[in-house]
Amino acid sequence: NRMIDCEIDGKNPRTKRRPLQIKIISRKEVQVIIIVCTIFFAICCYFLSPLCFFLCPFILFLLYGYSY
């Protein structure tokens, strides 16, 4: 959400000092973190149960779609 709303957060006085807005962390680093966390989530779902692994893409769709 913070990566997608980066421009909006930069204009908001309450959120303009977040690490992504003041360039402490780059957009590329945020993308890598998102990919790693997505893979870790899928692996955890796989080890929990077949149902969790089957529902994993739907949950990820909801999580990533929420920002839009």
C-alpha atoms as a PDB file:
ATOM      1  CA  ASN A   1       0.000   0.000   0.000  1.00  0.00           C
ATOM      2  CA  ARG A   2       2.787   2.438   0.834  1.00  0.00           C
ATOM      3  CA  MET A   3       4.573   1.766  -2.426  1.00  0.00           C
ATOM      4  CA  ILE A   4       1.424   2.268  -4.504  1.00  0.00           C
ATOM      5  CA  ASP A   5       0.409   5.398  -2.586  1.00  0.00           C
ATOM      6  CA  CYS A   6       3.939   6.817  -2.467  1.00  0.00           C
ATOM      7  CA  GLU A   7       3.078  10.015  -4.351  1.00  0.00           C
ATOM      8  CA  ILE A   8      -0.047  10.621  -2.277  1.00  0.00           C
ATOM      9  CA  ASP A   9       1.823   9.934   0.973  1.00  0.00           C
ATOM     10  CA  GLY A  10       4.534  12.397  -0.055  1.00  0.00           C
ATOM     11  CA  LYS A  11       1.970  15.203  -0.199  1.00  0.00           C
ATOM     12  CA  ASN A  12       0.289  14.336   3.106  1.00  0.00           C
ATOM     13  CA  PRO A  13       1.910  16.089   6.106  1.00  0.00           C
ATOM     14  CA  ARG A  14       1.194  13.097   8.346  1.00  0.00           C
ATOM     15  CA  THR A  15       2.852  10.538   6.040  1.00  0.00           C
ATOM     16  CA  LYS A  16       5.513  12.528   4.178  1.00  0.00           C
ATOM     17  CA  ARG A  17       8.279  11.431   6.574  1.00  0.00           C
ATOM     18  CA  ARG A  18       7.917   7.688   5.977  1.00  0.00           C
ATOM     19  CA  PRO A  19      11.109   5.901   4.881  1.00  0.00           C
ATOM     20  CA  LEU A  20       9.958   5.446   1.290  1.00  0.00           C
ATOM     21  CA  GLN A  21       9.129   9.144   0.906  1.00  0.00           C
ATOM     22  CA  ILE A  22      12.427  10.413   2.349  1.00  0.00           C
ATOM     23  CA  LYS A  23      14.433   7.864   0.321  1.00  0.00           C
ATOM     24  CA  ILE A  24      15.782   5.796   3.229  1.00  0.00           C
ATOM     25  CA  ILE A  25      14.580   2.731   1.340  1.00  0.00           C
ATOM     26  CA  SER A  26      14.244   2.531  -2.438  1.00  0.00           C
ATOM     27  CA  ARG A  27      11.287   1.276  -4.437  1.00  0.00           C
ATOM     28  CA  LYS A  28      13.438  -1.603  -5.689  1.00  0.00           C
ATOM     29  CA  GLU A  29      14.144  -2.712  -2.106  1.00  0.00           C
ATOM     30  CA  VAL A  30      10.437  -2.572  -1.303  1.00  0.00           C
ATOM     31  CA  GLN A  31       9.686  -4.730  -4.353  1.00  0.00           C
ATOM     32  CA  VAL A  32      12.274  -7.302  -3.247  1.00  0.00           C
ATOM     33  CA  ILE A  33      10.768  -7.391   0.256  1.00  0.00           C
ATOM     34  CA  ILE A  34       7.289  -7.894  -1.222  1.00  0.00           C
ATOM     35  CA  ILE A  35       8.485 -10.779  -3.412  1.00  0.00           C
ATOM     36  CA  VAL A  36      10.347 -12.472  -0.554  1.00  0.00           C
ATOM     37  CA  CYS A  37       7.362 -12.140   1.793  1.00  0.00           C
ATOM     38  CA  THR A  38       5.007 -13.495  -0.880  1.00  0.00           C
ATOM     39  CA  ILE A  39       7.193 -16.546  -1.407  1.00  0.00           C
ATOM     40  CA  PHE A  40       7.518 -17.082   2.355  1.00  0.00           C
ATOM     41  CA  PHE A  41       3.740 -16.803   2.746  1.00  0.00           C
ATOM     42  CA  ALA A  42       3.151 -19.385   0.003  1.00  0.00           C
ATOM     43  CA  ILE A  43       5.677 -21.779   1.574  1.00  0.00           C
ATOM     44  CA  CYS A  44       4.024 -21.431   4.983  1.00  0.00           C
ATOM     45  CA  CYS A  45       0.616 -22.093   3.438  1.00  0.00           C
ATOM     46  CA  TYR A  46       1.992 -25.187   1.728  1.00  0.00           C
ATOM     47  CA  PHE A  47       3.206 -26.618   5.019  1.00  0.00           C
ATOM     48  CA  LEU A  48       0.008 -25.784   6.904  1.00  0.00           C
ATOM     49  CA  SER A  49      -2.409 -27.733   4.723  1.00  0.00           C
ATOM     50  CA  PRO A  50      -3.458 -28.346   1.127  1.00  0.00           C
ATOM     51  CA  LEU A  51      -6.493 -26.116   1.647  1.00  0.00           C
ATOM     52  CA  CYS A  52      -4.329 -23.216   2.839  1.00  0.00           C
ATOM     53  CA  PHE A  53      -2.074 -23.607  -0.163  1.00  0.00           C
ATOM     54  CA  PHE A  54      -5.074 -23.740  -2.503  1.00  0.00           C
ATOM     55  CA  LEU A  55      -6.499 -20.532  -0.994  1.00  0.00           C
ATOM     56  CA  CYS A  56      -3.149 -18.752  -0.957  1.00  0.00           C
ATOM     57  CA  PRO A  57      -3.562 -17.029  -4.385  1.00  0.00           C
ATOM     58  CA  PHE A  58      -6.982 -15.703  -3.413  1.00  0.00           C
ATOM     59  CA  ILE A  59      -5.622 -14.191  -0.209  1.00  0.00           C
ATOM     60  CA  LEU A  60      -2.681 -12.668  -2.060  1.00  0.00           C
ATOM     61  CA  PHE A  61      -5.083 -11.221  -4.634  1.00  0.00           C
ATOM     62  CA  LEU A  62      -7.074  -9.585  -1.825  1.00  0.00           C
ATOM     63  CA  LEU A  63      -3.946  -8.258  -0.119  1.00  0.00           C
ATOM     64  CA  TYR A  64      -2.446  -6.788  -3.281  1.00  0.00           C
ATOM     65  CA  GLY A  65      -5.778  -5.602  -4.664  1.00  0.00           C
ATOM     66  CA  TYR A  66      -6.674  -3.753  -1.468  1.00  0.00           C
ATOM     67  CA  SER A  67      -4.411  -0.829  -2.340  1.00  0.00           C
ATOM     68  CA  TYR A  68      -6.122  -0.215  -5.641  1.00  0.00           C
END
